[in-house]
Amino acid sequence: MDDRGATHLLDLTVRAEPVDGRSLGETTSSLYLIVLRGDVPGRMIRLGPGIQTIGRGQENRISVPDMSVSRVHARLLVDDVGRIWLTDDGSTNGTYLNGQRLTPHQAVRVCDGDRISLGPSVVLKCLRTDPLDERHHREMFERSVRDPLTGLYNRGYFVNQVDVLAQQVFRGDLGLAILMIDIDHFKRINDQYGHTIGDAVLREMATRLRLSTRADDLVARYGGEEFVAALPIASPTQALDRGRRIWQSLRGQPVAAEGQTLDVTASVGIAYAPCDLPRPTAALIAIADKALYRAKERGRDRVCYDDGLTRDTVQADASNSEIQPGITTVDVDAYVDPVAPEAVEPANLSES
């Protein structure tokens, strides 16, 4: 998860290395493609000088991981005077300029305001911007993908991007872990201390979550007091270890807000899919949510792992943190350091 306020985009990434020794800022800093329809509408894709391929494959300068887009779908050329030329590269579903399908391998001029369609699903708009327009577009895009209270990504952005992340990690021989995270007794915190302190708790827990995750993790506020994280992970044991460390970072120190000090804890549910047994991300989210429910049912302030294969529940052996074949649910209060009884009830709040 980025910690500098810049959105980390997965589905339309531009490889922005200099071309012919010229930097992008020196030549075509005002040339952009704006995503009108696709995974993340509003995205600004900066165009560099020279040839830029567009397609589903990661080898393209502009990568669009949509199944209706060919591996190498089209080519854009920005010439020495800043004109843009578009060529269909023999794509299956066609490249369209303002609704007209292009003849493969024949370059056509693209003008300011023109719309480029890559098959039926992706629509881009060519735009030349001045600095004020560029800033406005970027601010509007950030507002559309960020949760205003915590600064984390919002649920819509997470749902749009998690499939893309899954495709990337499975191709790279990694698995994917989904963590569903819920602040314990949050309703009681709001009821007893008020929404101002409740908001401060959310911001602090979001900050701890951001600092305990990595740049290639995808972290979002899922709704209310619930957060979600998608982590590229090599094994279920590593998924459990990462979940344990994130859980410990959330509950490790009291939260200070408006003169109050609260012992806030969290419950975590984990699901994992290896690269040789990929699963739909919606299924992983549902399994992680079920594991979260199990963690809360068993008393909160703990981590539960579920591989979703059976309904068996097995207590982890504290002397052996490896997840053995056939163990489908791990209650991590036996795996991690014991939880002090007083830490389960934040600020002496009753069960809710």
Protein backbone atom coordinates (compact mmCIF):
# COMPACT_ATOMS: atom_id res chain seq x y z
CA MET A 1 0.00 0.00 0.00
CA ASP A 2 1.44 3.38 -0.94
CA ASP A 3 2.12 5.72 1.97
CA ARG A 4 2.73 8.93 0.04
CA GLY A 5 -0.77 9.65 -1.21
CA ALA A 6 -0.20 8.51 -4.82
CA THR A 7 -2.66 6.03 -6.23
CA HIS A 8 -1.05 2.72 -7.20
CA LEU A 9 -2.77 1.67 -10.44
CA LEU A 10 -2.81 -1.89 -11.66
CA ASP A 11 -5.04 -2.24 -14.69
CA LEU A 12 -3.70 0.38 -17.11
CA THR A 13 -0.04 0.78 -16.25
CA VAL A 14 2.30 2.83 -18.42
CA ARG A 15 5.97 1.98 -18.57
CA ALA A 16 7.26 5.53 -18.59
CA GLU A 17 10.94 5.14 -19.37
CA PRO A 18 12.52 7.88 -21.58
CA VAL A 19 12.45 7.33 -25.34
CA ASP A 20 15.41 8.31 -27.55
CA GLY A 21 17.08 9.97 -24.58
CA ARG A 22 14.20 12.42 -24.01
CA SER A 23 12.19 12.54 -20.81
CA LEU A 24 8.42 12.65 -20.92
CA GLY A 25 8.34 15.98 -19.17
CA GLU A 26 10.59 17.56 -21.81
CA THR A 27 8.45 16.55 -24.78
CA THR A 28 4.81 15.55 -24.37
CA SER A 29 3.83 16.27 -20.77
CA SER A 30 0.41 17.57 -21.91
CA LEU A 31 -0.63 14.50 -23.95
CA TYR A 32 -2.92 12.06 -22.15
CA LEU A 33 -5.40 9.28 -22.66
CA ILE A 34 -8.35 9.54 -20.25
CA VAL A 35 -10.18 6.31 -19.41
CA LEU A 36 -13.88 6.82 -20.10
CA ARG A 37 -14.94 3.19 -19.84
CA GLY A 38 -12.95 0.34 -18.39
CA ASP A 39 -11.82 -0.84 -14.99
CA VAL A 40 -10.98 2.59 -13.54
CA PRO A 41 -12.78 5.45 -15.31
CA GLY A 42 -11.06 8.81 -14.92
CA ARG A 43 -7.54 7.44 -15.09
CA MET A 44 -5.00 9.71 -16.84
CA ILE A 45 -2.43 7.85 -18.93
CA ARG A 46 0.48 10.03 -19.98
CA LEU A 47 1.75 9.53 -23.52
CA GLY A 48 5.47 9.61 -24.16
CA PRO A 49 7.31 10.32 -27.40
CA GLY A 50 7.79 7.53 -29.94
CA ILE A 51 5.87 4.26 -30.29
CA GLN A 52 3.73 2.91 -27.45
CA THR A 53 2.02 -0.44 -27.77
CA ILE A 54 -1.37 -1.01 -26.15
CA GLY A 55 -2.63 -4.46 -25.21
CA ARG A 56 -3.49 -7.06 -22.60
CA GLY A 57 0.08 -8.33 -22.23
CA GLN A 58 2.38 -6.95 -19.57
CA GLU A 59 5.08 -6.31 -22.20
CA ASN A 60 3.12 -3.35 -23.60
CA ARG A 61 3.96 0.24 -22.70
CA ILE A 62 0.24 0.66 -21.92
CA SER A 63 -1.09 -2.56 -20.37
CA VAL A 64 -4.87 -3.10 -20.40
CA PRO A 65 -5.67 -6.46 -18.76
CA ASP A 66 -9.15 -6.81 -20.20
CA MET A 67 -10.03 -10.11 -21.86
CA SER A 68 -11.67 -8.37 -24.83
CA VAL A 69 -8.36 -6.64 -25.60
CA SER A 70 -5.75 -8.52 -27.65
CA ARG A 71 -2.31 -9.23 -26.23
CA VAL A 72 -0.86 -6.53 -28.51
CA HIS A 73 -3.95 -4.64 -29.65
CA ALA A 74 -2.79 -1.33 -31.15
CA ARG A 75 0.11 1.10 -31.44
CA LEU A 76 0.30 4.81 -30.76
CA LEU A 77 3.04 6.98 -32.27
CA VAL A 78 3.75 10.45 -30.94
CA ASP A 79 5.94 12.08 -33.58
CA ASP A 80 8.55 14.81 -33.20
CA VAL A 81 5.99 17.62 -33.49
CA GLY A 82 3.54 16.05 -31.04
CA ARG A 83 1.04 14.57 -33.49
CA ILE A 84 -0.55 11.25 -32.49
CA TRP A 85 -0.99 8.34 -34.90
CA LEU A 86 -3.00 5.21 -34.11
CA THR A 87 -2.59 1.79 -35.74
CA ASP A 88 -4.60 -1.37 -35.13
CA ASP A 89 -2.17 -4.26 -34.76
CA GLY A 90 -4.48 -6.94 -36.18
CA SER A 91 -6.56 -7.19 -33.01
CA THR A 92 -9.39 -9.69 -32.69
CA ASN A 93 -12.09 -7.24 -31.57
CA GLY A 94 -10.87 -4.21 -33.47
CA THR A 95 -9.69 -0.68 -32.73
CA TYR A 96 -12.17 2.16 -33.29
CA LEU A 97 -11.60 5.89 -33.68
CA ASN A 98 -14.75 7.91 -32.99
CA GLY A 99 -16.85 4.83 -33.73
CA GLN A 100 -15.13 3.90 -36.99
CA ARG A 101 -13.23 0.61 -37.09
CA LEU A 102 -9.66 1.00 -38.28
CA THR A 103 -8.14 -1.03 -41.09
CA PRO A 104 -5.39 -3.14 -39.49
CA HIS A 105 -1.82 -1.91 -39.92
CA GLN A 106 -2.83 1.46 -41.38
CA ALA A 107 -1.99 4.53 -39.27
CA VAL A 108 -4.58 7.27 -38.77
CA ARG A 109 -4.25 10.67 -37.14
CA VAL A 110 -5.73 11.15 -33.65
CA CYS A 111 -6.81 14.65 -32.67
CA ASP A 112 -7.58 16.33 -29.35
CA GLY A 113 -10.91 15.04 -28.02
CA ASP A 114 -11.02 11.90 -30.20
CA ARG A 115 -12.25 8.66 -28.66
CA ILE A 116 -10.40 5.38 -29.04
CA SER A 117 -12.22 2.10 -28.40
CA LEU A 118 -10.31 -1.13 -27.83
CA GLY A 119 -12.90 -3.81 -28.57
CA PRO A 120 -16.27 -3.50 -26.79
CA SER A 121 -15.10 -2.79 -23.22
CA VAL A 122 -12.41 -0.09 -23.12
CA VAL A 123 -12.91 3.51 -24.27
CA LEU A 124 -10.18 6.15 -24.05
CA LYS A 125 -10.24 9.85 -24.87
CA CYS A 126 -7.24 11.72 -26.26
CA LEU A 127 -6.66 14.98 -24.40
CA ARG A 128 -4.10 17.77 -24.41
CA THR A 129 -4.10 19.51 -21.05
CA ASP A 130 -2.63 22.63 -19.54
CA PRO A 131 -1.29 22.41 -15.96
CA LEU A 132 -4.58 23.54 -14.41
CA ASP A 133 -6.63 20.98 -16.35
CA GLU A 134 -4.15 18.25 -15.48
CA ARG A 135 -4.32 19.06 -11.78
CA HIS A 136 -8.11 19.14 -11.88
CA HIS A 137 -8.34 15.73 -13.59
CA ARG A 138 -5.91 14.18 -11.11
CA GLU A 139 -7.74 15.58 -8.10
CA MET A 140 -11.08 14.35 -9.39
CA PHE A 141 -9.65 10.91 -10.01
CA GLU A 142 -8.13 10.70 -6.53
CA ARG A 143 -11.47 11.66 -5.00
CA SER A 144 -13.18 8.91 -6.94
CA VAL A 145 -10.91 6.12 -5.66
CA ARG A 146 -10.06 7.24 -2.10
CA ASP A 147 -12.03 7.01 1.13
CA PRO A 148 -12.21 10.63 2.34
CA LEU A 149 -11.92 9.80 6.06
CA THR A 150 -8.99 7.37 6.09
CA GLY A 151 -7.20 8.09 2.80
CA LEU A 152 -7.24 4.39 1.93
CA TYR A 153 -8.71 3.17 -1.32
CA ASN A 154 -12.48 2.82 -1.33
CA ARG A 155 -14.44 -0.37 -1.83
CA GLY A 156 -15.24 0.32 -5.48
CA TYR A 157 -11.59 0.76 -6.39
CA PHE A 158 -10.62 -2.39 -4.49
CA VAL A 159 -13.26 -4.45 -6.27
CA ASN A 160 -12.11 -3.07 -9.65
CA GLN A 161 -8.45 -3.73 -9.01
CA VAL A 162 -8.30 -6.98 -7.02
CA ASP A 163 -8.99 -9.14 -10.09
CA VAL A 164 -6.14 -7.42 -11.91
CA LEU A 165 -3.82 -7.99 -8.96
CA ALA A 166 -4.84 -11.66 -8.84
CA GLN A 167 -4.04 -12.12 -12.55
CA GLN A 168 -0.64 -10.53 -12.05
CA VAL A 169 0.38 -12.55 -9.00
CA PHE A 170 -0.86 -15.89 -10.38
CA ARG A 171 1.15 -15.31 -13.58
CA GLY A 172 4.17 -14.55 -11.41
CA ASP A 173 3.97 -17.87 -9.49
CA LEU A 174 2.64 -16.29 -6.31
CA GLY A 175 -0.61 -16.87 -4.49
CA LEU A 176 -3.08 -14.29 -3.24
CA ALA A 177 -4.26 -13.79 0.33
CA ILE A 178 -7.38 -11.80 1.22
CA LEU A 179 -7.62 -10.34 4.72
CA MET A 180 -10.92 -9.06 6.07
CA ILE A 181 -10.31 -6.85 9.11
CA ASP A 182 -12.90 -5.53 11.56
CA ILE A 183 -12.41 -3.17 14.50
CA ASP A 184 -13.82 -4.86 17.58
CA HIS A 185 -16.71 -3.22 19.47
CA PHE A 186 -16.68 -0.17 17.21
CA LYS A 187 -20.38 0.57 17.67
CA ARG A 188 -19.82 0.74 21.41
CA ILE A 189 -16.93 3.16 20.87
CA ASN A 190 -19.21 5.44 18.85
CA ASP A 191 -22.05 5.15 21.35
CA GLN A 192 -19.90 5.79 24.42
CA TYR A 193 -17.39 8.36 23.13
CA GLY A 194 -19.10 9.90 20.11
CA HIS A 195 -18.45 9.89 16.37
CA THR A 196 -15.54 12.34 16.56
CA ILE A 197 -13.52 9.85 18.57
CA GLY A 198 -14.89 7.02 16.44
CA ASP A 199 -13.56 8.76 13.32
CA ALA A 200 -10.19 9.28 15.01
CA VAL A 201 -10.03 5.55 15.79
CA LEU A 202 -10.77 4.72 12.14
CA ARG A 203 -8.05 7.08 10.92
CA GLU A 204 -5.49 5.69 13.36
CA MET A 205 -6.25 2.07 12.52
CA ALA A 206 -6.09 2.89 8.81
CA THR A 207 -2.67 4.49 9.34
CA ARG A 208 -1.40 1.42 11.20
CA LEU A 209 -2.77 -0.81 8.47
CA ARG A 210 -1.08 1.26 5.77
CA LEU A 211 2.26 1.19 7.59
CA SER A 212 2.09 -2.58 8.14
CA THR A 213 1.50 -3.40 4.47
CA ARG A 214 3.73 -3.25 1.41
CA ALA A 215 3.73 -1.20 -1.78
CA ASP A 216 2.40 -4.12 -3.86
CA ASP A 217 -0.47 -4.85 -1.43
CA LEU A 218 -3.95 -3.53 -2.19
CA VAL A 219 -5.62 -2.09 0.93
CA ALA A 220 -9.01 -0.42 1.25
CA ARG A 221 -11.73 0.61 3.64
CA TYR A 222 -14.45 -1.89 2.83
CA GLY A 223 -17.24 -0.17 4.73
CA GLY A 224 -17.93 1.14 8.22
CA GLU A 225 -15.27 -0.24 10.57
CA GLU A 226 -14.22 -2.98 8.13
CA PHE A 227 -11.06 -3.01 6.03
CA VAL A 228 -9.79 -5.39 3.35
CA ALA A 229 -6.33 -6.21 2.06
CA ALA A 230 -5.12 -8.31 -0.88
CA LEU A 231 -1.54 -9.55 -0.45
CA PRO A 232 0.68 -11.32 -2.99
CA ILE A 233 1.92 -14.28 -0.92
CA ALA A 234 3.93 -17.42 -1.72
CA SER A 235 2.29 -19.84 0.74
CA PRO A 236 -0.54 -20.16 3.28
CA THR A 237 2.03 -20.13 6.08
CA GLN A 238 3.28 -16.74 4.88
CA ALA A 239 -0.30 -15.52 4.60
CA LEU A 240 -0.91 -16.49 8.20
CA ASP A 241 2.33 -14.85 9.32
CA ARG A 242 1.52 -11.60 7.49
CA GLY A 243 -1.98 -11.63 8.95
CA ARG A 244 -0.56 -12.15 12.43
CA ARG A 245 1.85 -9.22 12.09
CA ILE A 246 -0.82 -6.90 10.71
CA TRP A 247 -3.15 -7.91 13.55
CA GLN A 248 -0.42 -7.20 16.10
CA SER A 249 0.28 -3.78 14.58
CA LEU A 250 -3.38 -2.84 14.90
CA ARG A 251 -3.72 -3.84 18.56
CA GLY A 252 -0.19 -3.11 19.75
CA GLN A 253 -0.67 0.37 21.21
CA PRO A 254 -3.63 2.25 22.73
CA VAL A 255 -5.35 4.84 20.55
CA ALA A 256 -5.24 8.42 21.87
CA ALA A 257 -8.02 10.73 20.68
CA GLU A 258 -9.55 13.91 22.11
CA GLY A 259 -8.00 13.32 25.51
CA GLN A 260 -9.19 9.72 25.67
CA THR A 261 -7.02 6.60 25.57
CA LEU A 262 -8.67 3.45 24.22
CA ASP A 263 -7.41 -0.12 24.00
CA VAL A 264 -8.71 -0.95 20.53
CA THR A 265 -8.44 -4.45 19.09
CA ALA A 266 -9.27 -6.05 15.76
CA SER A 267 -10.40 -9.37 14.34
CA VAL A 268 -8.94 -10.74 11.10
CA GLY A 269 -10.18 -13.39 8.67
CA ILE A 270 -7.79 -14.80 6.06
CA ALA A 271 -8.35 -16.73 2.84
CA TYR A 272 -5.60 -17.84 0.47
CA ALA A 273 -5.36 -19.24 -3.08
CA PRO A 274 -2.06 -20.62 -4.45
CA CYS A 275 -0.99 -19.95 -8.03
CA ASP A 276 -1.59 -23.60 -9.01
CA LEU A 277 -5.16 -23.46 -7.64
CA PRO A 278 -6.41 -19.93 -8.43
CA ARG A 279 -9.88 -18.93 -7.31
CA PRO A 280 -12.21 -16.09 -8.21
CA THR A 281 -11.49 -13.13 -5.97
CA ALA A 282 -15.18 -12.89 -5.04
CA ALA A 283 -14.95 -16.41 -3.62
CA LEU A 284 -11.78 -15.53 -1.66
CA ILE A 285 -13.47 -12.44 -0.20
CA ALA A 286 -16.46 -14.55 0.87
CA ILE A 287 -14.18 -17.15 2.51
CA ALA A 288 -12.18 -14.45 4.32
CA ASP A 289 -15.43 -12.87 5.49
CA LYS A 290 -16.55 -16.24 6.86
CA ALA A 291 -13.23 -16.58 8.69
CA LEU A 292 -13.69 -13.08 10.12
CA TYR A 293 -17.13 -14.05 11.38
CA ARG A 294 -15.58 -17.10 13.03
CA ALA A 295 -12.93 -14.94 14.72
CA LYS A 296 -15.60 -12.64 16.13
CA GLU A 297 -17.76 -15.58 17.17
CA ARG A 298 -14.86 -16.99 19.20
CA GLY A 299 -14.39 -13.82 21.20
CA ARG A 300 -12.75 -11.26 18.87
CA ASP A 301 -9.17 -9.97 19.02
CA ARG A 302 -7.81 -12.90 17.01
CA VAL A 303 -7.03 -14.14 13.51
CA CYS A 304 -8.73 -17.05 11.75
CA TYR A 305 -7.57 -18.69 8.53
CA ASP A 306 -9.90 -20.66 6.25
CA ASP A 307 -9.02 -22.35 2.95
CA GLY A 308 -12.71 -22.88 2.20
CA LEU A 309 -12.40 -26.55 1.31
CA THR A 310 -14.34 -28.10 4.20
CA ARG A 311 -16.09 -27.01 7.35
CA ASP A 312 -13.61 -28.71 9.65
CA THR A 313 -12.02 -26.53 12.31
CA VAL A 314 -8.58 -27.30 13.65
CA GLN A 315 -6.77 -25.49 16.43
CA ALA A 316 -3.23 -24.53 15.45
CA ASP A 317 -0.41 -26.06 17.43
CA ALA A 318 1.50 -23.20 19.04
CA SER A 319 4.76 -25.14 18.67
CA ASN A 320 4.28 -25.65 14.92
CA SER A 321 3.02 -22.70 12.85
CA GLU A 322 3.03 -24.61 9.55
CA ILE A 323 -0.40 -25.17 8.02
CA GLN A 324 -0.54 -28.87 7.30
CA PRO A 325 -2.56 -30.44 4.48
CA GLY A 326 -6.14 -31.02 5.57
CA ILE A 327 -6.12 -28.22 8.13
CA THR A 328 -8.71 -25.84 6.75
CA THR A 329 -9.32 -23.38 9.55
CA VAL A 330 -6.72 -22.09 11.97
CA ASP A 331 -7.69 -20.16 15.06
CA VAL A 332 -4.61 -18.03 15.54
CA ASP A 333 -5.10 -17.17 19.18
CA ALA A 334 -3.22 -20.44 19.74
CA TYR A 335 -0.64 -19.54 17.10
CA VAL A 336 0.20 -16.03 18.32
CA ASP A 337 1.08 -14.77 21.75
CA PRO A 338 -1.80 -15.27 24.21
CA VAL A 339 -4.24 -12.39 24.41
CA ALA A 340 -4.51 -10.72 27.77
CA PRO A 341 -8.13 -10.90 29.01
CA GLU A 342 -8.28 -7.14 29.55
CA ALA A 343 -7.22 -6.47 25.93
CA VAL A 344 -10.33 -8.13 24.56
CA GLU A 345 -12.61 -5.40 25.91
CA PRO A 346 -11.52 -1.99 24.56
CA ALA A 347 -11.96 0.70 27.21
CA ASN A 348 -14.08 -1.73 29.25
CA LEU A 349 -16.74 -1.82 26.55
CA SER A 350 -19.29 -4.60 26.71
CA GLU A 351 -19.79 -7.22 23.98
CA SER A 352 -21.66 -6.06 20.87
